[in-house]
Every structure is written in C-alpha cells, then in structure tokens.
C-alpha cells in the first residue's frame, strides 16, 4: 500500500476492516470485470496489486477466477489470509486468492500472467516519485497477458478534501478512530489515531495527488495506453464511490 516497507500499513492493519467494512467491495469487483469485458478481455486470472486485506481479491476469487494478490504489508496480508472467498470450496467457485509480500515497482509475478490487473484504493499514490509510478505501471503492463486490461483507481481530489465521514471518524465495536488529511501542494499527509481495547495507536502515511494530465503522461511513459476513465458513481451508489474513477489501460502495441 505504500512506497517502501517502512510506509506499509502496520498496526493500522488490525483495525482496517473495522473502518472500511461498509465499503462495497463486491461492486468494486464488478466494475473492474465490466471494464475488462468492455475491452474484450476474457478474464480467467486476476492480479490485485497493493491488495491490503484482500477484500477485493476475495470477492474476485468468489467468482471462480484464479486470483493472486500482493502487498508490502505483512500485517495486512496476515489479516487477508484469514478470509474466505464467498462459496470457497463449492464446485466451480474456485479457491481463495494466492497472497504474497510484494512491491508495485517489482511485481512478484511472471510476464503475462494476468488477464486483469488492478490497483485500487489509491495504491499508486503512495509512490511519491513520478519515476516510481512509471516503474510500477510498467511492471503492471509486464505482467498483463496479451489482450489483457489494467484497471487503476488513483487518489481523488474529492476524497482528499472532503473524504467519507464514516471513514474519518469511527466510534463502534470498541474502536474510536480519527483520521485527518493535510495537503501541501500535491503531497497529502494522512494521520491516523485510534483506540481499541484501551490501547492507543497512531500512524502517519504520505501520498502524492497526481492530477489527471500528469497521471495520463505517466501512464503513457510506462508503455500503457489509456482507453477509458470510468466514474464509480453512480454505478456504485454508496457514498465512498463519489468522486472516484477507474482508469482503464492496456499495454501499448
């Protein structure tokens, strides 16, 4: 979820799913598959980069697809490993996602493995150097099969400046959390403070907000061809989707 292991979610992994349990991961998976289908991609294998606690990966695996996910945070992956895909073990429903610690700039998957490659929840924006974003995007293209599709969800202006209130302030199930976002130019500092079971914790992360024009140039520099931008709202009517957009790309050539 971040640019280097020291920035990967650590203690926050323990409460991440409590904070974001209302997020419609099933619909996120639907939109990614619909974007790939619109490009004529026959999806059998899916790679979820910066997968976090693997909620989207688990949803995709529940559709009978072969799914792999990777993340920089071992603690997020430990949470992910305990999850089961809907219908896991049922005939024709497939198994849970294969999970590994990995870096967007050096994707731990062989060339051309995935028909659909996704990086959701602003995973790319934890890369603060544009050259690192280009390197990551090139890696995503490398692991995409011929005819495959790459779906990205970059950080949105609206989320930074307005956010989703239930995700910024939580008080339920013994968890009290406050999140704040400080913006300095295109750099965003995310400060998280929470208490669970009487134990107080705090972590800070940084992201870079890439404007549409800048991000499009990075996509092209990585050898990808941007083919569509798909607003998640109103296809997903839930509040967290407002202002969020899926960028759909394909390897050039």
Protein backbone atom coordinates (compact mmCIF):
# COMPACT_ATOMS: atom_id res chain seq x y z
CA UNK A 1 0.00 0.00 0.00
CA UNK A 2 2.96 2.32 0.14
CA UNK A 3 6.22 3.27 -1.47
CA UNK A 4 8.50 1.35 0.88
CA UNK A 5 8.20 -1.22 3.66
CA UNK A 6 8.52 1.44 6.37
CA UNK A 7 5.42 3.11 4.96
CA UNK A 8 3.35 -0.03 4.59
CA UNK A 9 0.33 -0.27 6.88
CA UNK A 10 1.42 -1.89 10.13
CA UNK A 11 -0.68 -1.50 13.29
CA UNK A 12 -3.50 0.00 11.22
CA UNK A 13 -3.97 -3.47 9.72
CA UNK A 14 -5.59 -4.55 13.00
CA UNK A 15 -8.48 -2.11 12.54
CA UNK A 16 -8.55 -1.54 8.77
CA UNK A 17 -11.50 -3.82 8.09
CA UNK A 18 -13.45 -2.35 11.00
CA UNK A 19 -13.06 1.10 9.44
CA UNK A 20 -13.92 0.08 5.88
CA UNK A 21 -16.39 -2.76 6.46
CA UNK A 22 -19.18 -0.82 4.70
CA UNK A 23 -17.17 -0.39 1.50
CA UNK A 24 -18.92 -2.23 -1.39
CA UNK A 25 -16.04 -4.48 -2.44
CA UNK A 26 -18.37 -6.74 -4.39
CA UNK A 27 -19.38 -3.83 -6.60
CA UNK A 28 -15.73 -2.74 -6.92
CA UNK A 29 -15.00 -6.21 -8.29
CA UNK A 30 -18.00 -5.98 -10.62
CA UNK A 31 -16.82 -2.68 -12.09
CA UNK A 32 -13.30 -3.98 -12.72
CA UNK A 33 -14.67 -7.04 -14.52
CA UNK A 34 -17.09 -4.88 -16.51
CA UNK A 35 -14.22 -2.59 -17.55
CA UNK A 36 -12.21 -5.59 -18.76
CA UNK A 37 -15.21 -7.03 -20.61
CA UNK A 38 -15.73 -3.71 -22.39
CA UNK A 39 -12.20 -4.12 -23.79
CA UNK A 40 -12.95 -7.65 -24.97
CA UNK A 41 -10.77 -9.25 -22.29
CA UNK A 42 -11.68 -12.81 -21.34
CA UNK A 43 -10.79 -12.79 -17.66
CA UNK A 44 -9.61 -16.01 -16.07
CA UNK A 45 -6.66 -14.78 -13.99
CA UNK A 46 -6.66 -11.60 -11.91
CA UNK A 47 -3.76 -9.91 -10.15
CA UNK A 48 -4.61 -7.45 -7.38
CA UNK A 49 -1.70 -5.16 -6.60
CA UNK A 50 -1.42 -3.40 -3.23
CA UNK A 51 -4.24 -5.73 -2.17
CA UNK A 52 -4.21 -4.80 1.53
CA UNK A 53 -6.51 -7.11 3.49
CA UNK A 54 -7.59 -8.61 0.14
CA UNK A 55 -11.30 -7.79 0.33
CA UNK A 56 -11.45 -7.13 -3.43
CA UNK A 57 -9.26 -10.16 -4.18
CA UNK A 58 -11.53 -12.41 -2.11
CA UNK A 59 -14.60 -11.09 -3.94
CA UNK A 60 -12.98 -11.81 -7.31
CA UNK A 61 -11.94 -15.30 -6.22
CA UNK A 62 -15.54 -15.95 -5.22
CA UNK A 63 -16.47 -15.57 -8.88
CA UNK A 64 -14.46 -18.67 -9.75
CA UNK A 65 -11.43 -16.76 -11.05
CA UNK A 66 -7.81 -17.58 -10.33
CA UNK A 67 -6.68 -14.62 -8.23
CA UNK A 68 -3.34 -13.53 -6.81
CA UNK A 69 -2.69 -10.52 -4.62
CA UNK A 70 0.38 -8.85 -3.20
CA UNK A 71 1.08 -6.06 -0.75
CA UNK A 72 4.07 -4.51 1.01
CA UNK A 73 2.49 -5.00 4.43
CA UNK A 74 2.88 -8.46 6.01
CA UNK A 75 0.41 -7.45 8.70
CA UNK A 76 -2.28 -6.58 6.14
CA UNK A 77 -1.64 -9.90 4.41
CA UNK A 78 -1.93 -11.76 7.70
CA UNK A 79 -5.45 -10.35 8.05
CA UNK A 80 -6.15 -11.23 4.43
CA UNK A 81 -5.03 -14.85 4.85
CA UNK A 82 -7.80 -15.49 7.36
CA UNK A 83 -10.55 -14.58 4.88
CA UNK A 84 -12.51 -16.97 2.72
CA UNK A 85 -13.95 -16.27 -0.70
CA UNK A 86 -17.76 -16.44 -0.98
CA UNK A 87 -18.59 -20.03 -1.83
CA UNK A 88 -14.98 -21.11 -1.40
CA UNK A 89 -14.81 -24.87 -1.69
CA UNK A 90 -18.08 -25.10 -3.64
CA UNK A 91 -17.83 -26.77 -7.07
CA UNK A 92 -16.95 -24.21 -9.73
CA UNK A 93 -16.37 -21.40 -7.24
CA UNK A 94 -12.58 -21.72 -7.03
CA UNK A 95 -10.33 -21.16 -4.03
CA UNK A 96 -9.17 -18.10 -2.16
CA UNK A 97 -6.55 -15.76 -3.61
CA UNK A 98 -2.86 -16.62 -3.50
CA UNK A 99 -1.11 -13.94 -1.43
CA UNK A 100 2.48 -12.71 -1.30
CA UNK A 101 4.50 -9.81 0.05
CA UNK A 102 5.48 -7.71 -2.95
CA UNK A 103 6.25 -4.26 -4.32
CA UNK A 104 4.44 -2.45 -7.13
CA UNK A 105 7.85 -1.50 -8.54
CA UNK A 106 8.93 -5.16 -8.73
CA UNK A 107 5.76 -7.21 -9.13
CA UNK A 108 6.33 -10.81 -7.93
CA UNK A 109 4.55 -12.41 -10.89
CA UNK A 110 5.83 -13.75 -14.20
CA UNK A 111 5.38 -11.92 -17.50
CA UNK A 112 1.90 -12.04 -18.99
CA UNK A 113 0.29 -13.98 -16.15
CA UNK A 114 -2.87 -11.92 -15.57
CA UNK A 115 -5.77 -11.13 -17.87
CA UNK A 116 -6.87 -8.39 -15.49
CA UNK A 117 -4.52 -6.38 -13.27
CA UNK A 118 -5.95 -3.99 -10.67
CA UNK A 119 -4.56 -1.46 -8.22
CA UNK A 120 -7.44 0.02 -6.24
CA UNK A 121 -7.80 2.33 -3.23
CA UNK A 122 -5.12 4.80 -4.40
CA UNK A 123 -2.32 2.25 -4.01
CA UNK A 124 -0.24 4.00 -6.67
CA UNK A 125 -0.37 7.31 -4.81
CA UNK A 126 1.85 6.03 -2.01
CA UNK A 127 4.64 6.24 -4.59
CA UNK A 128 5.82 9.81 -4.12
CA UNK A 129 8.27 9.99 -7.02
CA UNK A 130 6.76 10.10 -10.53
CA UNK A 131 9.60 7.88 -11.77
CA UNK A 132 8.49 5.22 -9.28
CA UNK A 133 4.94 5.46 -10.62
CA UNK A 134 6.23 4.91 -14.15
CA UNK A 135 8.25 1.92 -12.96
CA UNK A 136 5.20 0.46 -11.21
CA UNK A 137 2.93 1.00 -14.21
CA UNK A 138 5.50 -0.63 -16.49
CA UNK A 139 5.55 -3.63 -14.15
CA UNK A 140 1.77 -3.86 -14.29
CA UNK A 141 2.00 -3.87 -18.07
CA UNK A 142 4.69 -6.55 -17.97
CA UNK A 143 2.50 -9.00 -16.05
CA UNK A 144 -0.59 -8.34 -18.20
CA UNK A 145 -1.39 -11.03 -20.75
CA UNK A 146 -1.85 -10.17 -24.45
CA UNK A 147 -5.32 -8.71 -24.80
CA UNK A 148 -5.44 -8.03 -21.06
CA UNK A 149 -6.62 -4.97 -19.17
CA UNK A 150 -5.16 -2.86 -16.36
CA UNK A 151 -7.59 -1.07 -14.01
CA UNK A 152 -6.30 1.63 -11.67
CA UNK A 153 -8.06 3.71 -9.07
CA UNK A 154 -5.99 6.81 -8.27
CA UNK A 155 -6.48 9.10 -5.30
CA UNK A 156 -9.26 11.59 -5.97
CA UNK A 157 -9.40 15.29 -5.14
CA UNK A 158 -12.77 14.86 -3.52
CA UNK A 159 -11.61 12.19 -1.11
CA UNK A 160 -8.62 14.27 -0.01
CA UNK A 161 -10.57 17.46 0.51
CA UNK A 162 -13.97 16.12 1.59
CA UNK A 163 -13.45 12.44 2.34
CA UNK A 164 -16.03 9.97 3.53
CA UNK A 165 -17.02 10.95 7.03
CA UNK A 166 -17.59 7.43 8.42
CA UNK A 167 -14.05 6.56 7.36
CA UNK A 168 -12.55 9.62 9.04
CA UNK A 169 -14.29 9.29 12.39
CA UNK A 170 -15.26 5.88 13.74
CA UNK A 171 -16.79 5.03 17.10
CA UNK A 172 -18.15 1.47 17.14
CA UNK A 173 -17.29 -2.06 18.23
CA UNK A 174 -14.84 -0.70 20.80
CA UNK A 175 -12.90 1.24 18.13
CA UNK A 176 -12.52 5.01 18.23
CA UNK A 177 -10.59 6.40 15.28
CA UNK A 178 -9.89 9.84 13.86
CA UNK A 179 -8.20 10.36 10.50
CA UNK A 180 -7.01 13.70 9.16
CA UNK A 181 -5.51 14.72 5.83
CA UNK A 182 -3.09 17.62 5.48
CA UNK A 183 -2.47 18.89 1.95
CA UNK A 184 0.70 20.72 0.97
CA UNK A 185 0.69 21.27 -2.76
CA UNK A 186 0.27 17.79 -4.21
CA UNK A 187 1.56 16.00 -1.11
CA UNK A 188 -1.00 14.53 1.27
CA UNK A 189 -0.19 13.51 4.83
CA UNK A 190 -2.62 11.04 6.38
CA UNK A 191 -2.60 10.97 10.20
CA UNK A 192 -4.45 8.14 11.92
CA UNK A 193 -5.13 7.96 15.65
CA UNK A 194 -7.25 5.27 17.25
CA UNK A 195 -8.01 3.38 20.43
CA UNK A 196 -9.08 -0.25 20.55
CA UNK A 197 -9.40 -2.31 23.69
CA UNK A 198 -7.97 0.56 25.72
CA UNK A 199 -4.76 0.66 23.64
CA UNK A 200 -3.98 3.93 21.82
CA UNK A 201 -2.14 3.81 18.49
CA UNK A 202 -1.11 6.31 15.82
CA UNK A 203 0.42 6.07 12.35
CA UNK A 204 1.23 8.57 9.62
CA UNK A 205 1.45 7.99 5.87
CA UNK A 206 2.13 10.16 2.85
CA UNK A 207 0.69 10.14 -0.65
CA UNK A 208 1.10 12.28 -3.75
CA UNK A 209 -2.00 13.51 -5.54
CA UNK A 210 -1.37 13.22 -9.29
CA UNK A 211 -3.62 15.36 -11.47
CA UNK A 212 -5.34 13.82 -14.46
CA UNK A 213 -2.95 15.29 -17.00
CA UNK A 214 0.13 14.29 -15.02
CA UNK A 215 -1.12 10.77 -14.41
CA UNK A 216 -2.06 10.30 -18.06
CA UNK A 217 1.51 11.26 -19.01
CA UNK A 218 2.91 8.72 -16.53
CA UNK A 219 0.64 6.00 -17.93
CA UNK A 220 1.91 6.73 -21.45
CA UNK A 221 5.54 6.87 -20.30
CA UNK A 222 5.12 3.36 -18.84
CA UNK A 223 4.06 1.96 -22.22
CA UNK A 224 0.38 1.72 -21.40
CA UNK A 225 -2.49 3.10 -23.48
CA UNK A 226 -5.27 4.81 -21.54
CA UNK A 227 -8.54 3.69 -23.11
CA UNK A 228 -11.23 4.83 -20.67
CA UNK A 229 -11.99 6.58 -17.40
CA UNK A 230 -14.99 5.08 -15.62
CA UNK A 231 -16.63 7.03 -12.77
CA UNK A 232 -17.53 4.70 -9.93
CA UNK A 233 -20.52 6.89 -9.05
CA UNK A 234 -23.43 6.37 -9.69
CA UNK A 235 -22.67 2.80 -10.83
CA UNK A 236 -21.90 2.30 -7.16
CA UNK A 237 -24.48 4.35 -5.31
CA UNK A 238 -22.70 4.09 -1.94
CA UNK A 239 -21.15 7.28 -0.63
CA UNK A 240 -17.49 6.06 -0.73
CA UNK A 241 -17.68 5.90 -4.54
CA UNK A 242 -18.37 9.62 -5.03
CA UNK A 243 -15.56 11.31 -6.95
CA UNK A 244 -13.67 8.06 -7.51
CA UNK A 245 -12.74 6.99 -11.04
CA UNK A 246 -11.34 3.80 -12.53
CA UNK A 247 -8.64 4.35 -15.12
CA UNK A 248 -8.66 1.59 -17.73
CA UNK A 249 -5.47 0.94 -19.69
CA UNK A 250 -3.92 -1.66 -21.94
CA UNK A 251 -0.33 -2.43 -22.89
CA UNK A 252 0.58 -0.42 -25.97
CA UNK A 253 1.23 -2.23 -29.23
